[in-house]
Amino acid sequence: MTTTTAQDERMANLTFASVFPHYVNKVLKKGRTLDELYQVIHWLTGFTETDLQQLMEEKATFKTFFERANIPPNASNIKGVICGYRVEEIANPLSRNIRYLDKLIDELAKGKPLNKVIR
């Protein structure tokens, strides 16, 4: 599946604050911790818990969120399907980064060991 320009724009304009509670619920419901969630997000973006709180307070969009993020070079090792899309085939860099985050959180929630989630 390929994403459309409209889908890419919709994802770019979502605020991180509107999605973060869903990430929290997903991992807590599956027996993982908030600390593990923060570790995963920190690995992918470089953001601390304080940084994330500030981004949520300013209602930063995912576009802004990932413009400020420091994505590690080995993030390209994140592979697989999330939300019906194979992450390594997503052409739009912002959409790919958002799906990287989704994939990592999904792996955490599914019980994958933290050291395997953080590549």
N, C-alpha and C. Protein backbone atom coordinates (compact mmCIF):
# COMPACT_ATOMS: atom_id res chain seq x y z
N MET A 1 0.83 -1.19 0.00
CA MET A 1 0.00 0.00 0.00
C MET A 1 0.87 1.25 0.00
N THR A 2 0.46 2.22 -0.74
CA THR A 2 1.18 3.49 -0.72
C THR A 2 0.28 4.55 -0.10
N THR A 3 0.89 5.48 0.58
CA THR A 3 0.12 6.55 1.19
C THR A 3 -0.18 7.62 0.14
N THR A 4 -1.27 8.34 0.36
CA THR A 4 -1.62 9.43 -0.54
C THR A 4 -1.13 10.74 0.08
N THR A 5 -1.10 11.76 -0.73
CA THR A 5 -0.70 13.07 -0.23
C THR A 5 -1.64 13.53 0.87
N ALA A 6 -2.93 13.27 0.71
CA ALA A 6 -3.92 13.67 1.72
C ALA A 6 -3.66 12.94 3.04
N GLN A 7 -3.34 11.65 2.99
CA GLN A 7 -3.03 10.90 4.20
C GLN A 7 -1.77 11.45 4.88
N ASP A 8 -0.76 11.73 4.06
CA ASP A 8 0.49 12.27 4.60
C ASP A 8 0.24 13.61 5.29
N GLU A 9 -0.56 14.47 4.68
CA GLU A 9 -0.85 15.78 5.26
C GLU A 9 -1.66 15.65 6.55
N ARG A 10 -2.62 14.73 6.55
CA ARG A 10 -3.45 14.52 7.74
C ARG A 10 -2.58 14.08 8.92
N MET A 11 -1.68 13.14 8.65
CA MET A 11 -0.78 12.67 9.71
C MET A 11 0.16 13.79 10.17
N ALA A 12 0.66 14.58 9.26
CA ALA A 12 1.58 15.67 9.60
C ALA A 12 0.91 16.70 10.50
N ASN A 13 -0.39 16.89 10.32
CA ASN A 13 -1.10 17.92 11.07
C ASN A 13 -1.71 17.44 12.38
N LEU A 14 -1.63 16.14 12.66
CA LEU A 14 -2.07 15.64 13.96
C LEU A 14 -1.14 16.18 15.03
N THR A 15 -1.68 16.49 16.19
CA THR A 15 -0.80 16.93 17.28
C THR A 15 -0.32 15.71 18.03
N PHE A 16 0.92 15.79 18.48
CA PHE A 16 1.47 14.70 19.28
C PHE A 16 0.64 14.53 20.55
N ALA A 17 0.17 15.63 21.13
CA ALA A 17 -0.62 15.58 22.35
C ALA A 17 -1.92 14.81 22.17
N SER A 18 -2.47 14.83 20.97
CA SER A 18 -3.73 14.10 20.74
C SER A 18 -3.51 12.60 20.61
N VAL A 19 -2.31 12.18 20.25
CA VAL A 19 -2.02 10.77 20.02
C VAL A 19 -1.33 10.12 21.23
N PHE A 20 -0.56 10.90 21.97
CA PHE A 20 0.21 10.35 23.08
C PHE A 20 -0.64 9.55 24.08
N PRO A 21 -1.83 10.03 24.48
CA PRO A 21 -2.64 9.22 25.41
C PRO A 21 -2.97 7.83 24.87
N HIS A 22 -3.11 7.71 23.56
CA HIS A 22 -3.37 6.40 22.95
C HIS A 22 -2.15 5.50 23.08
N TYR A 23 -0.96 6.07 22.92
CA TYR A 23 0.27 5.30 23.13
C TYR A 23 0.34 4.80 24.58
N VAL A 24 0.06 5.70 25.51
CA VAL A 24 0.10 5.36 26.93
C VAL A 24 -0.88 4.23 27.23
N ASN A 25 -2.12 4.39 26.79
CA ASN A 25 -3.13 3.36 27.04
C ASN A 25 -2.73 2.02 26.45
N LYS A 26 -2.18 2.05 25.26
CA LYS A 26 -1.80 0.80 24.59
C LYS A 26 -0.74 0.04 25.37
N VAL A 27 0.30 0.73 25.81
CA VAL A 27 1.37 0.02 26.51
C VAL A 27 0.97 -0.38 27.92
N LEU A 28 0.25 0.48 28.62
CA LEU A 28 -0.17 0.14 29.98
C LEU A 28 -1.16 -1.02 29.99
N LYS A 29 -2.05 -1.03 29.03
CA LYS A 29 -3.05 -2.10 28.93
C LYS A 29 -2.38 -3.46 28.72
N LYS A 30 -1.23 -3.44 28.09
CA LYS A 30 -0.50 -4.68 27.80
C LYS A 30 0.56 -5.01 28.85
N GLY A 31 0.54 -4.29 29.98
CA GLY A 31 1.45 -4.61 31.07
C GLY A 31 2.83 -4.01 30.97
N ARG A 32 3.03 -3.08 30.06
CA ARG A 32 4.32 -2.39 29.97
C ARG A 32 4.26 -1.13 30.80
N THR A 33 5.39 -0.44 30.95
CA THR A 33 5.43 0.74 31.81
C THR A 33 5.57 2.02 31.01
N LEU A 34 5.21 3.11 31.67
CA LEU A 34 5.37 4.42 31.07
C LEU A 34 6.85 4.71 30.84
N ASP A 35 7.71 4.26 31.75
CA ASP A 35 9.15 4.45 31.60
C ASP A 35 9.65 3.78 30.32
N GLU A 36 9.15 2.57 30.04
CA GLU A 36 9.55 1.88 28.81
C GLU A 36 9.10 2.65 27.57
N LEU A 37 7.89 3.21 27.63
CA LEU A 37 7.40 4.02 26.52
C LEU A 37 8.31 5.22 26.30
N TYR A 38 8.67 5.90 27.38
CA TYR A 38 9.57 7.05 27.26
C TYR A 38 10.94 6.64 26.70
N GLN A 39 11.43 5.49 27.09
CA GLN A 39 12.71 5.01 26.57
C GLN A 39 12.65 4.78 25.06
N VAL A 40 11.56 4.20 24.61
CA VAL A 40 11.38 3.94 23.17
C VAL A 40 11.33 5.26 22.40
N ILE A 41 10.53 6.19 22.89
CA ILE A 41 10.41 7.49 22.21
C ILE A 41 11.74 8.22 22.24
N HIS A 42 12.45 8.15 23.37
CA HIS A 42 13.76 8.81 23.47
C HIS A 42 14.74 8.22 22.47
N TRP A 43 14.75 6.90 22.34
CA TRP A 43 15.68 6.27 21.39
C TRP A 43 15.42 6.76 19.98
N LEU A 44 14.14 6.83 19.58
CA LEU A 44 13.82 7.21 18.20
C LEU A 44 13.99 8.71 17.95
N THR A 45 13.70 9.55 18.95
CA THR A 45 13.65 10.99 18.71
C THR A 45 14.71 11.81 19.44
N GLY A 46 15.25 11.25 20.52
CA GLY A 46 16.16 12.01 21.36
C GLY A 46 15.45 12.86 22.40
N PHE A 47 14.11 12.87 22.40
CA PHE A 47 13.35 13.69 23.34
C PHE A 47 13.31 13.06 24.73
N THR A 48 13.48 13.90 25.73
CA THR A 48 13.32 13.48 27.12
C THR A 48 11.83 13.61 27.49
N GLU A 49 11.51 13.13 28.66
CA GLU A 49 10.13 13.26 29.15
C GLU A 49 9.74 14.74 29.23
N THR A 50 10.66 15.58 29.68
CA THR A 50 10.41 17.02 29.76
C THR A 50 10.17 17.61 28.38
N ASP A 51 10.98 17.20 27.41
CA ASP A 51 10.80 17.67 26.03
C ASP A 51 9.41 17.30 25.51
N LEU A 52 9.01 16.07 25.78
CA LEU A 52 7.70 15.60 25.32
C LEU A 52 6.58 16.41 25.95
N GLN A 53 6.71 16.69 27.24
CA GLN A 53 5.70 17.49 27.93
C GLN A 53 5.60 18.87 27.30
N GLN A 54 6.74 19.47 26.99
CA GLN A 54 6.75 20.79 26.37
C GLN A 54 6.09 20.75 24.99
N LEU A 55 6.41 19.73 24.21
CA LEU A 55 5.81 19.59 22.88
C LEU A 55 4.29 19.44 22.98
N MET A 56 3.84 18.70 23.99
CA MET A 56 2.40 18.53 24.16
C MET A 56 1.74 19.83 24.60
N GLU A 57 2.40 20.58 25.47
CA GLU A 57 1.85 21.85 25.94
C GLU A 57 1.72 22.85 24.79
N GLU A 58 2.69 22.83 23.89
CA GLU A 58 2.61 23.76 22.75
C GLU A 58 1.79 23.21 21.60
N LYS A 59 1.21 22.02 21.81
CA LYS A 59 0.36 21.36 20.80
C LYS A 59 1.08 21.22 19.46
N ALA A 60 2.32 20.75 19.54
CA ALA A 60 3.15 20.56 18.35
C ALA A 60 2.54 19.47 17.46
N THR A 61 2.52 19.74 16.17
CA THR A 61 2.06 18.73 15.21
C THR A 61 3.16 17.69 15.04
N PHE A 62 2.81 16.57 14.41
CA PHE A 62 3.84 15.57 14.13
C PHE A 62 4.89 16.15 13.20
N LYS A 63 4.51 17.07 12.33
CA LYS A 63 5.49 17.70 11.45
C LYS A 63 6.54 18.42 12.30
N THR A 64 6.10 19.24 13.23
CA THR A 64 7.02 19.96 14.12
C THR A 64 7.80 18.99 15.00
N PHE A 65 7.09 18.00 15.53
CA PHE A 65 7.69 17.00 16.40
C PHE A 65 8.90 16.35 15.72
N PHE A 66 8.71 15.89 14.48
CA PHE A 66 9.81 15.20 13.81
C PHE A 66 10.83 16.15 13.18
N GLU A 67 10.46 17.41 12.95
CA GLU A 67 11.47 18.39 12.52
C GLU A 67 12.48 18.62 13.63
N ARG A 68 12.03 18.55 14.88
CA ARG A 68 12.90 18.78 16.03
C ARG A 68 13.60 17.51 16.51
N ALA A 69 13.11 16.37 16.07
CA ALA A 69 13.65 15.09 16.54
C ALA A 69 15.02 14.81 15.94
N ASN A 70 15.77 13.99 16.64
CA ASN A 70 17.08 13.55 16.17
C ASN A 70 16.97 12.04 15.91
N ILE A 71 16.53 11.69 14.71
CA ILE A 71 16.29 10.28 14.35
C ILE A 71 17.64 9.59 14.15
N PRO A 72 17.86 8.45 14.83
CA PRO A 72 19.14 7.76 14.67
C PRO A 72 19.27 7.14 13.27
N PRO A 73 20.47 7.05 12.75
CA PRO A 73 20.67 6.48 11.42
C PRO A 73 20.15 5.04 11.30
N ASN A 74 20.22 4.29 12.39
CA ASN A 74 19.79 2.90 12.30
C ASN A 74 18.28 2.73 12.46
N ALA A 75 17.52 3.83 12.45
CA ALA A 75 16.06 3.73 12.47
C ALA A 75 15.57 3.01 11.21
N SER A 76 16.38 3.05 10.16
CA SER A 76 16.00 2.35 8.92
C SER A 76 15.96 0.84 9.11
N ASN A 77 16.47 0.36 10.26
CA ASN A 77 16.38 -1.07 10.56
C ASN A 77 14.99 -1.48 11.04
N ILE A 78 14.12 -0.49 11.29
CA ILE A 78 12.75 -0.78 11.70
C ILE A 78 12.01 -1.24 10.45
N LYS A 79 11.53 -2.45 10.52
CA LYS A 79 10.86 -3.04 9.37
C LYS A 79 9.58 -3.71 9.83
N GLY A 80 8.70 -3.94 8.88
CA GLY A 80 7.46 -4.64 9.20
C GLY A 80 6.23 -3.83 8.81
N VAL A 81 5.10 -4.39 9.15
CA VAL A 81 3.82 -3.78 8.77
C VAL A 81 3.17 -3.16 10.00
N ILE A 82 2.69 -1.94 9.82
CA ILE A 82 1.92 -1.26 10.86
C ILE A 82 0.80 -0.49 10.16
N CYS A 83 -0.40 -0.66 10.65
CA CYS A 83 -1.58 -0.01 10.08
C CYS A 83 -1.74 -0.31 8.59
N GLY A 84 -1.33 -1.51 8.19
CA GLY A 84 -1.48 -1.92 6.80
C GLY A 84 -0.39 -1.45 5.87
N TYR A 85 0.62 -0.78 6.40
CA TYR A 85 1.71 -0.26 5.58
C TYR A 85 3.03 -0.90 5.99
N ARG A 86 3.83 -1.29 5.02
CA ARG A 86 5.18 -1.78 5.28
C ARG A 86 6.04 -0.54 5.46
N VAL A 87 6.55 -0.33 6.69
CA VAL A 87 7.22 0.92 7.02
C VAL A 87 8.42 1.22 6.12
N GLU A 88 9.14 0.19 5.76
CA GLU A 88 10.35 0.43 4.94
C GLU A 88 10.01 0.85 3.51
N GLU A 89 8.74 0.76 3.11
CA GLU A 89 8.34 1.14 1.75
C GLU A 89 7.63 2.49 1.69
N ILE A 90 7.46 3.15 2.82
CA ILE A 90 6.77 4.44 2.85
C ILE A 90 7.73 5.50 2.31
N ALA A 91 7.31 6.17 1.24
CA ALA A 91 8.18 7.13 0.56
C ALA A 91 8.32 8.46 1.30
N ASN A 92 7.24 8.95 1.87
CA ASN A 92 7.27 10.24 2.54
C ASN A 92 8.03 10.11 3.86
N PRO A 93 9.13 10.85 4.03
CA PRO A 93 9.96 10.69 5.23
C PRO A 93 9.22 10.96 6.54
N LEU A 94 8.36 11.96 6.56
CA LEU A 94 7.61 12.26 7.78
C LEU A 94 6.65 11.12 8.11
N SER A 95 5.91 10.65 7.13
CA SER A 95 4.98 9.54 7.35
C SER A 95 5.74 8.29 7.79
N ARG A 96 6.90 8.07 7.22
CA ARG A 96 7.72 6.91 7.59
C ARG A 96 8.17 7.04 9.05
N ASN A 97 8.58 8.24 9.48
CA ASN A 97 8.99 8.43 10.87
C ASN A 97 7.83 8.22 11.84
N ILE A 98 6.66 8.70 11.47
CA ILE A 98 5.48 8.50 12.32
C ILE A 98 5.19 7.01 12.44
N ARG A 99 5.28 6.28 11.34
CA ARG A 99 5.03 4.84 11.36
C ARG A 99 6.14 4.08 12.09
N TYR A 100 7.37 4.60 12.04
CA TYR A 100 8.45 4.01 12.85
C TYR A 100 8.05 4.06 14.32
N LEU A 101 7.58 5.22 14.76
CA LEU A 101 7.16 5.37 16.14
C LEU A 101 6.01 4.42 16.46
N ASP A 102 5.02 4.37 15.58
CA ASP A 102 3.89 3.45 15.78
C ASP A 102 4.37 2.01 15.89
N LYS A 103 5.29 1.63 15.02
CA LYS A 103 5.79 0.25 15.00
C LYS A 103 6.52 -0.09 16.29
N LEU A 104 7.38 0.81 16.76
CA LEU A 104 8.11 0.56 17.99
C LEU A 104 7.17 0.42 19.18
N ILE A 105 6.17 1.28 19.25
CA ILE A 105 5.21 1.21 20.36
C ILE A 105 4.38 -0.06 20.25
N ASP A 106 4.04 -0.46 19.05
CA ASP A 106 3.30 -1.70 18.85
C ASP A 106 4.13 -2.90 19.31
N GLU A 107 5.41 -2.92 18.95
CA GLU A 107 6.29 -4.02 19.37
C GLU A 107 6.41 -4.06 20.90
N LEU A 108 6.54 -2.90 21.52
CA LEU A 108 6.61 -2.83 22.98
C LEU A 108 5.34 -3.40 23.60
N ALA A 109 4.20 -2.97 23.08
CA ALA A 109 2.92 -3.42 23.62
C ALA A 109 2.71 -4.92 23.42
N LYS A 110 3.27 -5.46 22.37
CA LYS A 110 3.10 -6.89 22.10
C LYS A 110 4.05 -7.76 22.92
N GLY A 111 4.85 -7.13 23.78
CA GLY A 111 5.69 -7.89 24.69
C GLY A 111 7.11 -8.14 24.25
N LYS A 112 7.50 -7.53 23.14
CA LYS A 112 8.88 -7.69 22.68
C LYS A 112 9.82 -7.07 23.72
N PRO A 113 10.93 -7.74 24.05
CA PRO A 113 11.86 -7.18 25.03
C PRO A 113 12.36 -5.80 24.60
N LEU A 114 12.49 -4.92 25.56
CA LEU A 114 12.88 -3.54 25.28
C LEU A 114 14.18 -3.45 24.49
N ASN A 115 15.15 -4.32 24.81
CA ASN A 115 16.43 -4.27 24.09
C ASN A 115 16.29 -4.70 22.64
N LYS A 116 15.20 -5.37 22.29
CA LYS A 116 14.95 -5.74 20.88
C LYS A 116 14.14 -4.67 20.17
N VAL A 117 13.30 -3.94 20.93
CA VAL A 117 12.53 -2.85 20.35
C VAL A 117 13.47 -1.71 19.97
N ILE A 118 14.38 -1.41 20.90
CA ILE A 118 15.38 -0.36 20.66
C ILE A 118 16.54 -1.03 19.94
N ARG A 119 16.65 -0.78 18.68
CA ARG A 119 17.60 -1.48 17.83
C ARG A 119 19.00 -0.92 17.95
